[in-house]
């Protein structure tokens, strides 16, 4: 199955001070840790950025097989980025991931994608009910439609998009602990201190 992956890298990185996707972690840019985890499980990798300037910077570090897509909307939100990615995606299903979770595991991403076959989405859910729509897989056509409708309603959050989808499979984060006991896959790098923490977690 020719599936896609959409990596969202268009955030403003205010707390970081510069484009965090390009920050070095263990000898390579942060975003490359996410892209490398996608090797062998998707045919197409799409990195979504917010400007042509950012696209030019990304192009210098990304491999030639990675497609770069620029948000068409002035609005900045993960939903806008996801919509840009869905429009670009050639696969029937697509993983959607942020660029700042360097500890994602290939086995877990492959499982999420596999569970999505025949569903409109597979979304991790914590025991308290909180969902992770940016570590999820979507059937591209219904997700694209839901994203467009959500933006027309002037809502900018992924959860509003998810509410418009039917036939969703929620997977407990407890399932992922078999592969990732401390659920490091959800660790976000938002500050330089987080980057140092991620380096220690990679070593440990």
N, C-alpha and C. Protein backbone atom coordinates (compact mmCIF):
# COMPACT_ATOMS: atom_id res chain seq x y z
N UNK A 1 0.85 -1.20 0.00
CA UNK A 1 0.00 0.00 0.00
C UNK A 1 0.89 1.25 0.00
N UNK A 2 0.64 2.14 -0.94
CA UNK A 2 1.45 3.36 -1.02
C UNK A 2 0.87 4.43 -0.09
N UNK A 3 1.38 4.46 1.13
CA UNK A 3 0.88 5.43 2.10
C UNK A 3 1.82 6.62 2.22
N UNK A 4 1.31 7.67 2.84
CA UNK A 4 2.06 8.93 2.97
C UNK A 4 2.31 9.25 4.44
N UNK A 5 3.22 10.18 4.67
CA UNK A 5 3.41 10.75 6.01
C UNK A 5 3.52 12.26 5.87
N UNK A 6 2.82 12.96 6.75
CA UNK A 6 2.82 14.43 6.74
C UNK A 6 3.47 14.88 8.04
N UNK A 7 4.59 15.59 7.92
CA UNK A 7 5.30 16.07 9.11
C UNK A 7 5.12 17.58 9.18
N UNK A 8 4.52 18.05 10.26
CA UNK A 8 4.20 19.48 10.40
C UNK A 8 5.38 20.24 10.99
N UNK A 9 5.92 21.18 10.21
CA UNK A 9 7.10 21.92 10.65
C UNK A 9 6.89 23.43 10.53
N UNK A 10 5.63 23.86 10.44
CA UNK A 10 5.36 25.28 10.18
C UNK A 10 5.12 26.13 11.41
N UNK A 11 5.29 25.55 12.60
CA UNK A 11 5.04 26.32 13.83
C UNK A 11 6.02 27.48 13.98
N UNK A 12 5.67 28.43 14.83
CA UNK A 12 6.50 29.64 14.96
C UNK A 12 7.73 29.43 15.85
N UNK A 13 7.77 28.35 16.63
CA UNK A 13 8.93 28.06 17.51
C UNK A 13 9.28 29.23 18.43
N UNK A 14 8.27 29.96 18.91
CA UNK A 14 8.52 31.14 19.75
C UNK A 14 9.35 30.81 20.99
N UNK A 15 8.98 29.70 21.66
CA UNK A 15 9.68 29.35 22.89
C UNK A 15 11.10 28.87 22.62
N UNK A 16 11.36 28.51 21.37
CA UNK A 16 12.67 27.95 21.03
C UNK A 16 13.66 29.03 20.59
N UNK A 17 13.14 30.06 19.93
CA UNK A 17 14.02 31.15 19.51
C UNK A 17 14.42 31.08 18.04
N UNK A 18 14.35 29.89 17.44
CA UNK A 18 14.60 29.73 16.00
C UNK A 18 13.89 28.47 15.54
N UNK A 19 13.97 28.16 14.25
CA UNK A 19 13.23 27.03 13.68
C UNK A 19 13.66 25.72 14.34
N UNK A 20 12.85 25.21 15.24
CA UNK A 20 13.30 24.06 16.04
C UNK A 20 13.47 22.79 15.23
N UNK A 21 12.76 22.69 14.11
CA UNK A 21 12.91 21.50 13.27
C UNK A 21 14.34 21.33 12.78
N UNK A 22 15.09 22.44 12.72
CA UNK A 22 16.47 22.41 12.24
C UNK A 22 17.48 22.35 13.38
N UNK A 23 17.00 22.37 14.62
CA UNK A 23 17.91 22.29 15.77
C UNK A 23 18.62 20.93 15.77
N UNK A 24 19.89 20.95 16.12
CA UNK A 24 20.67 19.71 16.11
C UNK A 24 20.40 18.87 17.35
N UNK A 25 20.11 17.61 17.13
CA UNK A 25 19.94 16.64 18.23
C UNK A 25 20.73 15.40 17.86
N UNK A 26 21.71 15.07 18.68
CA UNK A 26 22.55 13.88 18.45
C UNK A 26 23.10 13.85 17.02
N UNK A 27 23.56 15.02 16.55
CA UNK A 27 24.27 15.07 15.28
C UNK A 27 23.42 15.22 14.04
N UNK A 28 22.10 15.37 14.20
CA UNK A 28 21.28 15.61 13.01
C UNK A 28 20.09 16.49 13.38
N UNK A 29 19.49 17.19 12.40
CA UNK A 29 18.35 18.06 12.71
C UNK A 29 17.20 17.28 13.35
N UNK A 30 16.53 17.95 14.26
CA UNK A 30 15.40 17.36 14.99
C UNK A 30 14.40 16.67 14.05
N UNK A 31 14.05 17.35 12.97
CA UNK A 31 13.05 16.82 12.03
C UNK A 31 13.51 15.50 11.39
N UNK A 32 14.83 15.33 11.24
CA UNK A 32 15.34 14.11 10.60
C UNK A 32 15.10 12.88 11.47
N UNK A 33 15.03 13.05 12.78
CA UNK A 33 14.72 11.92 13.66
C UNK A 33 13.32 11.38 13.34
N UNK A 34 12.39 12.30 13.09
CA UNK A 34 11.02 11.91 12.76
C UNK A 34 10.97 11.26 11.37
N UNK A 35 11.63 11.92 10.41
CA UNK A 35 11.61 11.40 9.03
C UNK A 35 12.28 10.03 8.93
N UNK A 36 13.37 9.85 9.67
CA UNK A 36 14.08 8.55 9.62
C UNK A 36 13.22 7.43 10.20
N UNK A 37 12.38 7.76 11.20
CA UNK A 37 11.49 6.75 11.78
C UNK A 37 10.44 6.28 10.78
N UNK A 38 10.23 7.07 9.71
CA UNK A 38 9.21 6.74 8.71
C UNK A 38 9.77 5.86 7.57
N UNK A 39 11.09 5.64 7.59
CA UNK A 39 11.70 4.81 6.54
C UNK A 39 11.05 3.43 6.51
N UNK A 40 10.81 2.95 5.31
CA UNK A 40 10.27 1.61 5.06
C UNK A 40 8.78 1.42 5.40
N UNK A 41 8.14 2.45 5.98
CA UNK A 41 6.71 2.25 6.28
C UNK A 41 5.79 3.14 5.43
N UNK A 42 6.37 4.18 4.79
CA UNK A 42 5.55 5.00 3.87
C UNK A 42 6.32 5.19 2.57
N UNK A 43 5.58 5.39 1.50
CA UNK A 43 6.19 5.63 0.19
C UNK A 43 6.53 7.11 0.00
N UNK A 44 5.76 7.97 0.69
CA UNK A 44 5.87 9.41 0.44
C UNK A 44 5.98 10.17 1.76
N UNK A 45 6.98 11.07 1.83
CA UNK A 45 7.14 11.92 3.02
C UNK A 45 6.94 13.38 2.61
N UNK A 46 6.05 14.05 3.32
CA UNK A 46 5.75 15.46 3.02
C UNK A 46 6.04 16.29 4.28
N UNK A 47 6.86 17.30 4.13
CA UNK A 47 7.11 18.23 5.24
C UNK A 47 6.36 19.52 4.93
N UNK A 48 5.50 19.93 5.85
CA UNK A 48 4.70 21.14 5.64
C UNK A 48 5.31 22.30 6.42
N UNK A 49 5.59 23.39 5.70
CA UNK A 49 6.17 24.58 6.32
C UNK A 49 5.25 25.78 6.08
N UNK A 50 5.55 26.90 6.75
CA UNK A 50 4.60 28.03 6.69
C UNK A 50 5.00 29.12 5.70
N UNK A 51 6.23 29.05 5.15
CA UNK A 51 6.66 30.11 4.22
C UNK A 51 7.69 29.58 3.22
N UNK A 52 7.87 30.31 2.14
CA UNK A 52 8.89 29.93 1.14
C UNK A 52 10.28 30.01 1.74
N UNK A 53 10.47 30.99 2.61
CA UNK A 53 11.77 31.16 3.27
C UNK A 53 12.10 29.91 4.11
N UNK A 54 11.10 29.44 4.85
CA UNK A 54 11.31 28.24 5.67
C UNK A 54 11.54 27.02 4.77
N UNK A 55 10.83 26.98 3.65
CA UNK A 55 11.00 25.87 2.70
C UNK A 55 12.44 25.81 2.18
N UNK A 56 13.01 26.98 1.89
CA UNK A 56 14.39 27.04 1.39
C UNK A 56 15.38 26.52 2.43
N UNK A 57 15.16 26.89 3.69
CA UNK A 57 16.05 26.42 4.77
C UNK A 57 15.93 24.91 4.93
N UNK A 58 14.70 24.40 4.89
CA UNK A 58 14.47 22.96 5.04
C UNK A 58 15.10 22.17 3.89
N UNK A 59 14.98 22.71 2.68
CA UNK A 59 15.49 22.02 1.49
C UNK A 59 16.99 21.75 1.60
N UNK A 60 17.69 22.58 2.36
CA UNK A 60 19.14 22.41 2.50
C UNK A 60 19.50 21.18 3.36
N UNK A 61 18.59 20.76 4.24
CA UNK A 61 18.93 19.64 5.14
C UNK A 61 18.15 18.35 4.82
N UNK A 62 17.03 18.47 4.12
CA UNK A 62 16.22 17.28 3.86
C UNK A 62 16.74 16.49 2.66
N UNK A 63 16.47 15.20 2.69
CA UNK A 63 16.87 14.35 1.56
C UNK A 63 15.98 14.68 0.35
N UNK A 64 16.49 14.34 -0.82
CA UNK A 64 15.80 14.72 -2.06
C UNK A 64 14.44 14.03 -2.23
N UNK A 65 14.22 12.92 -1.54
CA UNK A 65 12.94 12.21 -1.70
C UNK A 65 11.83 12.80 -0.83
N UNK A 66 12.14 13.82 -0.04
CA UNK A 66 11.13 14.44 0.83
C UNK A 66 10.50 15.63 0.10
N UNK A 67 9.17 15.61 0.04
CA UNK A 67 8.44 16.70 -0.62
C UNK A 67 8.20 17.82 0.40
N UNK A 68 8.41 19.07 -0.02
CA UNK A 68 8.14 20.21 0.89
C UNK A 68 6.91 20.94 0.38
N UNK A 69 5.95 21.15 1.26
CA UNK A 69 4.72 21.87 0.89
C UNK A 69 4.59 23.10 1.77
N UNK A 70 4.20 24.22 1.16
CA UNK A 70 4.06 25.49 1.90
C UNK A 70 2.58 25.76 2.14
N UNK A 71 2.23 26.08 3.39
CA UNK A 71 0.84 26.44 3.72
C UNK A 71 0.35 27.57 2.83
N UNK A 72 -0.86 27.42 2.31
CA UNK A 72 -1.45 28.47 1.47
C UNK A 72 -2.17 29.52 2.30
N UNK A 73 -2.47 29.16 3.55
CA UNK A 73 -3.23 30.08 4.41
C UNK A 73 -2.28 30.91 5.28
N UNK A 74 -2.69 32.13 5.57
CA UNK A 74 -1.93 33.00 6.48
C UNK A 74 -2.04 32.48 7.92
N UNK A 75 -3.15 31.80 8.18
CA UNK A 75 -3.39 31.28 9.53
C UNK A 75 -2.37 30.19 9.85
N UNK A 76 -1.93 30.18 11.09
CA UNK A 76 -0.98 29.14 11.48
C UNK A 76 -1.60 28.25 12.55
N UNK A 77 -1.77 26.98 12.22
CA UNK A 77 -2.23 26.00 13.20
C UNK A 77 -1.93 24.62 12.64
N UNK A 78 -1.85 23.61 13.51
CA UNK A 78 -1.63 22.25 13.01
C UNK A 78 -2.70 21.82 12.00
N UNK A 79 -3.93 22.28 12.18
CA UNK A 79 -5.00 21.91 11.25
C UNK A 79 -4.72 22.44 9.85
N UNK A 80 -4.25 23.69 9.76
CA UNK A 80 -3.91 24.27 8.45
C UNK A 80 -2.79 23.45 7.81
N UNK A 81 -1.79 23.08 8.62
CA UNK A 81 -0.69 22.27 8.11
C UNK A 81 -1.15 20.91 7.65
N UNK A 82 -2.02 20.29 8.44
CA UNK A 82 -2.54 18.97 8.07
C UNK A 82 -3.32 19.04 6.76
N UNK A 83 -4.13 20.09 6.61
CA UNK A 83 -4.90 20.27 5.37
C UNK A 83 -3.97 20.40 4.16
N UNK A 84 -2.91 21.20 4.30
CA UNK A 84 -1.92 21.34 3.22
C UNK A 84 -1.35 19.97 2.87
N UNK A 85 -1.03 19.19 3.90
CA UNK A 85 -0.48 17.85 3.69
C UNK A 85 -1.46 16.91 3.02
N UNK A 86 -2.71 16.94 3.45
CA UNK A 86 -3.74 16.06 2.84
C UNK A 86 -3.91 16.39 1.35
N UNK A 87 -3.83 17.68 1.02
CA UNK A 87 -3.97 18.08 -0.40
C UNK A 87 -2.81 17.55 -1.24
N UNK A 88 -1.63 17.48 -0.64
CA UNK A 88 -0.42 17.04 -1.36
C UNK A 88 -0.30 15.52 -1.43
N UNK A 89 -0.90 14.83 -0.44
CA UNK A 89 -0.65 13.38 -0.29
C UNK A 89 -1.19 12.56 -1.46
N UNK A 90 -0.39 11.63 -1.90
CA UNK A 90 -0.81 10.71 -2.97
C UNK A 90 -1.35 9.40 -2.39
N UNK A 91 -0.97 9.09 -1.15
CA UNK A 91 -1.40 7.83 -0.54
C UNK A 91 -2.85 7.85 -0.13
N UNK A 92 -3.42 6.65 0.04
CA UNK A 92 -4.81 6.56 0.52
C UNK A 92 -4.89 6.92 2.00
N UNK A 93 -3.84 6.54 2.74
CA UNK A 93 -3.77 6.82 4.17
C UNK A 93 -2.51 7.64 4.44
N UNK A 94 -2.57 8.47 5.49
CA UNK A 94 -1.41 9.30 5.82
C UNK A 94 -1.24 9.41 7.33
N UNK A 95 -0.02 9.22 7.78
CA UNK A 95 0.34 9.54 9.16
C UNK A 95 0.50 11.05 9.26
N UNK A 96 0.07 11.63 10.37
CA UNK A 96 0.31 13.06 10.62
C UNK A 96 1.11 13.16 11.91
N UNK A 97 2.28 13.83 11.82
CA UNK A 97 3.19 13.91 12.96
C UNK A 97 3.76 15.32 13.09
N UNK A 98 4.09 15.74 14.32
CA UNK A 98 4.79 17.01 14.47
C UNK A 98 6.28 16.79 14.23
N UNK A 99 7.02 17.87 13.93
CA UNK A 99 8.45 17.72 13.65
C UNK A 99 9.28 17.66 14.92
N UNK A 100 8.62 17.87 16.08
CA UNK A 100 9.39 18.04 17.32
C UNK A 100 9.22 16.89 18.32
N UNK A 101 8.89 15.69 17.80
CA UNK A 101 8.81 14.52 18.68
C UNK A 101 9.84 13.49 18.18
N UNK A 102 11.12 13.71 18.51
CA UNK A 102 12.20 12.93 17.92
C UNK A 102 12.29 11.48 18.38
N UNK A 103 11.49 11.13 19.41
CA UNK A 103 11.61 9.78 19.97
C UNK A 103 10.51 8.84 19.48
N UNK A 104 9.85 9.22 18.38
CA UNK A 104 8.82 8.32 17.82
C UNK A 104 9.49 7.03 17.33
N UNK A 105 8.75 5.93 17.45
CA UNK A 105 9.30 4.63 17.06
C UNK A 105 8.65 4.11 15.79
N UNK A 106 9.47 3.58 14.91
CA UNK A 106 8.98 3.05 13.64
C UNK A 106 7.91 1.97 13.87
N UNK A 107 8.14 1.08 14.84
CA UNK A 107 7.18 -0.02 15.08
C UNK A 107 5.80 0.50 15.43
N UNK A 108 5.76 1.57 16.23
CA UNK A 108 4.47 2.14 16.64
C UNK A 108 3.80 2.86 15.47
N UNK A 109 4.58 3.59 14.69
CA UNK A 109 4.01 4.28 13.53
C UNK A 109 3.46 3.27 12.53
N UNK A 110 4.18 2.17 12.33
CA UNK A 110 3.72 1.12 11.41
C UNK A 110 2.42 0.51 11.92
N UNK A 111 2.32 0.31 13.24
CA UNK A 111 1.10 -0.27 13.83
C UNK A 111 -0.09 0.67 13.64
N UNK A 112 0.10 1.96 13.91
CA UNK A 112 -0.98 2.95 13.76
C UNK A 112 -1.48 2.96 12.32
N UNK A 113 -0.55 2.92 11.38
CA UNK A 113 -0.91 2.92 9.96
C UNK A 113 -1.66 1.64 9.57
N UNK A 114 -1.18 0.53 10.08
CA UNK A 114 -1.81 -0.76 9.77
C UNK A 114 -3.25 -0.81 10.31
N UNK A 115 -3.42 -0.30 11.53
CA UNK A 115 -4.76 -0.31 12.15
C UNK A 115 -5.74 0.61 11.43
N UNK A 116 -5.21 1.54 10.62
CA UNK A 116 -6.07 2.52 9.95
C UNK A 116 -6.76 1.94 8.71
N UNK A 117 -6.27 0.81 8.21
CA UNK A 117 -6.88 0.24 7.00
C UNK A 117 -8.38 -0.01 7.23
N UNK A 118 -9.22 0.56 6.37
CA UNK A 118 -10.66 0.39 6.51
C UNK A 118 -11.31 1.35 7.50
N UNK A 119 -10.50 2.22 8.12
CA UNK A 119 -11.03 3.22 9.06
C UNK A 119 -10.75 4.62 8.50
N UNK A 120 -11.44 5.61 9.05
CA UNK A 120 -11.17 7.00 8.65
C UNK A 120 -10.04 7.62 9.46
N UNK A 121 -9.75 7.03 10.62
CA UNK A 121 -8.64 7.53 11.44
C UNK A 121 -8.30 6.52 12.52
N UNK A 122 -7.04 6.53 12.92
CA UNK A 122 -6.60 5.81 14.13
C UNK A 122 -5.88 6.83 14.99
N UNK A 123 -6.38 7.03 16.21
CA UNK A 123 -5.87 8.10 17.07
C UNK A 123 -5.54 7.55 18.46
N UNK A 124 -4.31 7.77 18.94
CA UNK A 124 -3.98 7.36 20.31
C UNK A 124 -4.82 8.13 21.33
N UNK A 125 -5.22 7.41 22.40
CA UNK A 125 -6.02 8.06 23.45
C UNK A 125 -5.49 7.64 24.82
N UNK A 126 -5.26 8.63 25.66
CA UNK A 126 -4.78 8.38 27.03
C UNK A 126 -5.93 7.86 27.90
N UNK A 127 -5.60 7.20 29.00
CA UNK A 127 -6.66 6.69 29.90
C UNK A 127 -7.62 7.78 30.40
N UNK A 128 -7.14 9.04 30.47
CA UNK A 128 -8.04 10.13 30.94
C UNK A 128 -8.92 10.68 29.81
N UNK A 129 -8.82 10.08 28.60
CA UNK A 129 -9.67 10.51 27.49
C UNK A 129 -9.01 11.49 26.54
N UNK A 130 -7.84 12.04 26.92
CA UNK A 130 -7.13 13.00 26.05
C UNK A 130 -6.64 12.29 24.80
N UNK A 131 -6.84 12.90 23.63
CA UNK A 131 -6.42 12.25 22.39
C UNK A 131 -5.18 12.93 21.79
N UNK A 132 -4.50 12.20 20.92
CA UNK A 132 -3.27 12.68 20.28
C UNK A 132 -3.47 12.72 18.76
N UNK A 133 -4.19 13.74 18.25
CA UNK A 133 -4.48 13.77 16.81
C UNK A 133 -3.27 14.06 15.93
N UNK A 134 -2.13 14.43 16.56
CA UNK A 134 -0.91 14.65 15.77
C UNK A 134 0.07 13.48 15.87
N UNK A 135 -0.40 12.36 16.37
CA UNK A 135 0.38 11.12 16.30
C UNK A 135 -0.55 10.06 15.73
N UNK A 136 -1.25 10.43 14.69
CA UNK A 136 -2.37 9.62 14.21
C UNK A 136 -2.24 9.32 12.72
N UNK A 137 -3.09 8.39 12.27
CA UNK A 137 -3.18 8.10 10.83
C UNK A 137 -4.60 8.42 10.37
N UNK A 138 -4.71 8.90 9.14
CA UNK A 138 -6.01 9.30 8.60
C UNK A 138 -6.18 8.74 7.19
N UNK A 139 -7.43 8.42 6.86
CA UNK A 139 -7.77 8.15 5.47
C UNK A 139 -7.85 9.52 4.80
N UNK A 140 -7.05 9.73 3.77
CA UNK A 140 -6.80 11.09 3.28
C UNK A 140 -8.07 11.81 2.80
N UNK A 141 -8.90 11.16 1.98
CA UNK A 141 -10.06 11.87 1.41
C UNK A 141 -11.05 12.38 2.45
N UNK A 142 -11.54 11.52 3.36
CA UNK A 142 -12.46 12.05 4.38
C UNK A 142 -11.80 13.06 5.31
N UNK A 143 -10.51 12.88 5.59
CA UNK A 143 -9.82 13.82 6.48
C UNK A 143 -9.68 15.19 5.81
N UNK A 144 -9.39 15.19 4.52
CA UNK A 144 -9.29 16.44 3.76
C UNK A 144 -10.62 17.19 3.79
N UNK A 145 -11.69 16.45 3.56
CA UNK A 145 -13.03 17.05 3.58
C UNK A 145 -13.36 17.62 4.96
N UNK A 146 -13.05 16.84 6.01
CA UNK A 146 -13.34 17.28 7.38
C UNK A 146 -12.50 18.51 7.75
N UNK A 147 -11.24 18.54 7.30
CA UNK A 147 -10.36 19.68 7.59
C UNK A 147 -10.87 20.95 6.91
N UNK A 148 -11.30 20.82 5.66
CA UNK A 148 -11.82 21.99 4.93
C UNK A 148 -13.09 22.53 5.59
N UNK A 149 -13.99 21.62 5.97
CA UNK A 149 -15.24 22.05 6.62
C UNK A 149 -14.94 22.75 7.95
N UNK A 150 -13.99 22.20 8.72
CA UNK A 150 -13.64 22.78 10.02
C UNK A 150 -13.08 24.19 9.86
N UNK A 151 -12.23 24.38 8.87
CA UNK A 151 -11.66 25.72 8.65
C UNK A 151 -12.71 26.72 8.16
N UNK A 152 -13.67 26.22 7.37
CA UNK A 152 -14.76 27.11 6.92
C UNK A 152 -15.58 27.59 8.12
N UNK A 153 -15.64 26.77 9.15
CA UNK A 153 -16.36 27.15 10.39
C UNK A 153 -15.48 28.02 11.30
N UNK A 154 -14.29 28.37 10.79
CA UNK A 154 -13.34 29.22 11.51
C UNK A 154 -12.83 28.59 12.80
N UNK A 155 -12.74 27.26 12.78
CA UNK A 155 -12.12 26.54 13.90
C UNK A 155 -10.74 26.11 13.42
N UNK A 156 -9.77 26.17 14.33
CA UNK A 156 -8.38 25.92 13.92
C UNK A 156 -7.75 24.72 14.61
N UNK A 157 -8.52 23.97 15.37
CA UNK A 157 -7.93 22.87 16.13
C UNK A 157 -8.23 21.50 15.51
N UNK A 158 -7.29 20.60 15.66
CA UNK A 158 -7.42 19.26 15.10
C UNK A 158 -8.61 18.50 15.69
N UNK A 159 -8.90 18.75 16.97
CA UNK A 159 -9.99 18.01 17.61
C UNK A 159 -11.34 18.31 16.95
N UNK A 160 -11.52 19.55 16.51
CA UNK A 160 -12.76 19.90 15.81
C UNK A 160 -12.87 19.14 14.49
N UNK A 161 -11.74 18.93 13.84
CA UNK A 161 -11.73 18.14 12.61
C UNK A 161 -12.09 16.68 12.92
N UNK A 162 -11.47 16.16 13.97
CA UNK A 162 -11.71 14.75 14.36
C UNK A 162 -13.19 14.51 14.66
N UNK A 163 -13.82 15.50 15.28
CA UNK A 163 -15.26 15.37 15.61
C UNK A 163 -16.12 15.19 14.36
N UNK A 164 -15.62 15.63 13.22
CA UNK A 164 -16.40 15.51 11.98
C UNK A 164 -16.20 14.16 11.29
N UNK A 165 -15.26 13.38 11.77
CA UNK A 165 -14.99 12.07 11.15
C UNK A 165 -15.79 10.97 11.81
N UNK A 166 -16.26 10.04 11.02
CA UNK A 166 -16.90 8.84 11.54
C UNK A 166 -15.93 7.68 11.35
N UNK A 167 -16.24 6.54 11.95
CA UNK A 167 -15.44 5.33 11.75
C UNK A 167 -13.98 5.54 12.18
N UNK A 168 -13.82 6.03 13.42
CA UNK A 168 -12.49 6.25 14.00
C UNK A 168 -12.18 5.10 14.96
N UNK A 169 -10.94 4.66 14.92
CA UNK A 169 -10.48 3.68 15.92
C UNK A 169 -9.55 4.41 16.89
N UNK A 170 -9.95 4.44 18.16
CA UNK A 170 -9.07 5.01 19.19
C UNK A 170 -8.27 3.88 19.81
N UNK A 171 -6.98 4.10 19.96
CA UNK A 171 -6.10 3.06 20.53
C UNK A 171 -5.51 3.59 21.82
N UNK A 172 -5.68 2.84 22.90
CA UNK A 172 -5.16 3.26 24.20
C UNK A 172 -3.65 3.37 24.17
N UNK A 173 -3.12 4.41 24.81
CA UNK A 173 -1.67 4.56 24.91
C UNK A 173 -1.04 3.38 25.66
N UNK A 174 -1.84 2.67 26.44
CA UNK A 174 -1.33 1.49 27.16
C UNK A 174 -0.82 0.44 26.18
N UNK A 175 -1.44 0.37 25.00
CA UNK A 175 -1.01 -0.58 23.96
C UNK A 175 0.41 -0.25 23.52
N UNK A 176 0.72 1.05 23.38
CA UNK A 176 2.03 1.46 22.88
C UNK A 176 3.14 1.24 23.90
N UNK A 177 2.75 1.09 25.18
CA UNK A 177 3.76 0.89 26.23
C UNK A 177 4.48 -0.45 26.08
N UNK A 178 3.89 -1.37 25.32
CA UNK A 178 4.58 -2.63 25.05
C UNK A 178 5.87 -2.39 24.27
N UNK A 179 5.86 -1.34 23.43
CA UNK A 179 7.04 -1.00 22.62
C UNK A 179 7.85 0.12 23.26
N UNK A 180 7.17 0.98 23.99
CA UNK A 180 7.73 2.25 24.46
C UNK A 180 7.24 2.47 25.90
N UNK A 181 7.85 1.75 26.87
CA UNK A 181 7.31 1.74 28.24
C UNK A 181 7.07 3.12 28.85
N UNK A 182 7.94 4.10 28.54
CA UNK A 182 7.78 5.44 29.11
C UNK A 182 7.05 6.40 28.17
N UNK A 183 6.55 5.87 27.05
CA UNK A 183 5.83 6.67 26.04
C UNK A 183 6.61 7.93 25.65
N UNK A 184 7.90 7.71 25.37
CA UNK A 184 8.76 8.81 24.93
C UNK A 184 8.31 9.37 23.58
N UNK A 185 7.54 8.56 22.85
CA UNK A 185 7.08 8.99 21.51
C UNK A 185 6.30 10.31 21.55
N UNK A 186 5.70 10.60 22.70
CA UNK A 186 4.90 11.82 22.81
C UNK A 186 5.68 13.01 23.37
N UNK A 187 6.98 12.82 23.62
CA UNK A 187 7.77 13.91 24.21
C UNK A 187 8.04 14.99 23.17
N UNK A 188 7.57 16.20 23.45
CA UNK A 188 7.72 17.35 22.53
C UNK A 188 8.94 18.18 22.92
N UNK A 189 9.70 18.60 21.93
CA UNK A 189 10.80 19.53 22.18
C UNK A 189 10.29 20.94 21.90
N UNK A 190 10.05 21.69 22.96
CA UNK A 190 9.54 23.06 22.80
C UNK A 190 10.55 24.13 23.17
N UNK A 191 11.56 23.75 23.96
CA UNK A 191 12.56 24.71 24.44
C UNK A 191 13.95 24.09 24.32
N UNK A 192 15.00 24.93 24.40
CA UNK A 192 16.37 24.37 24.40
C UNK A 192 16.58 23.36 25.55
N UNK A 193 15.92 23.59 26.68
CA UNK A 193 16.04 22.63 27.80
C UNK A 193 15.45 21.27 27.42
N UNK A 194 14.34 21.29 26.68
CA UNK A 194 13.73 20.04 26.20
C UNK A 194 14.68 19.30 25.26
N UNK A 195 15.43 20.07 24.47
CA UNK A 195 16.38 19.47 23.52
C UNK A 195 17.45 18.70 24.28
N UNK A 196 17.92 19.29 25.37
CA UNK A 196 18.94 18.60 26.20
C UNK A 196 18.33 17.34 26.83
N UNK A 197 17.08 17.46 27.25
CA UNK A 197 16.40 16.31 27.86
C UNK A 197 16.25 15.18 26.84
N UNK A 198 15.89 15.56 25.60
CA UNK A 198 15.72 14.56 24.53
C UNK A 198 17.05 13.85 24.25
N UNK A 199 18.14 14.60 24.31
CA UNK A 199 19.47 14.02 24.08
C UNK A 199 19.76 12.94 25.14
N UNK A 200 19.44 13.27 26.40
CA UNK A 200 19.64 12.31 27.49
C UNK A 200 18.73 11.09 27.31
N UNK A 201 17.49 11.32 26.87
CA UNK A 201 16.55 10.22 26.67
C UNK A 201 17.02 9.29 25.54
N UNK A 202 17.60 9.89 24.50
CA UNK A 202 18.13 9.09 23.38
C UNK A 202 19.27 8.20 23.85
N UNK A 203 20.12 8.76 24.70
CA UNK A 203 21.26 7.99 25.21
C UNK A 203 20.79 6.90 26.18
N UNK A 204 19.73 7.26 26.95
CA UNK A 204 19.29 6.35 28.02
C UNK A 204 18.39 5.25 27.53
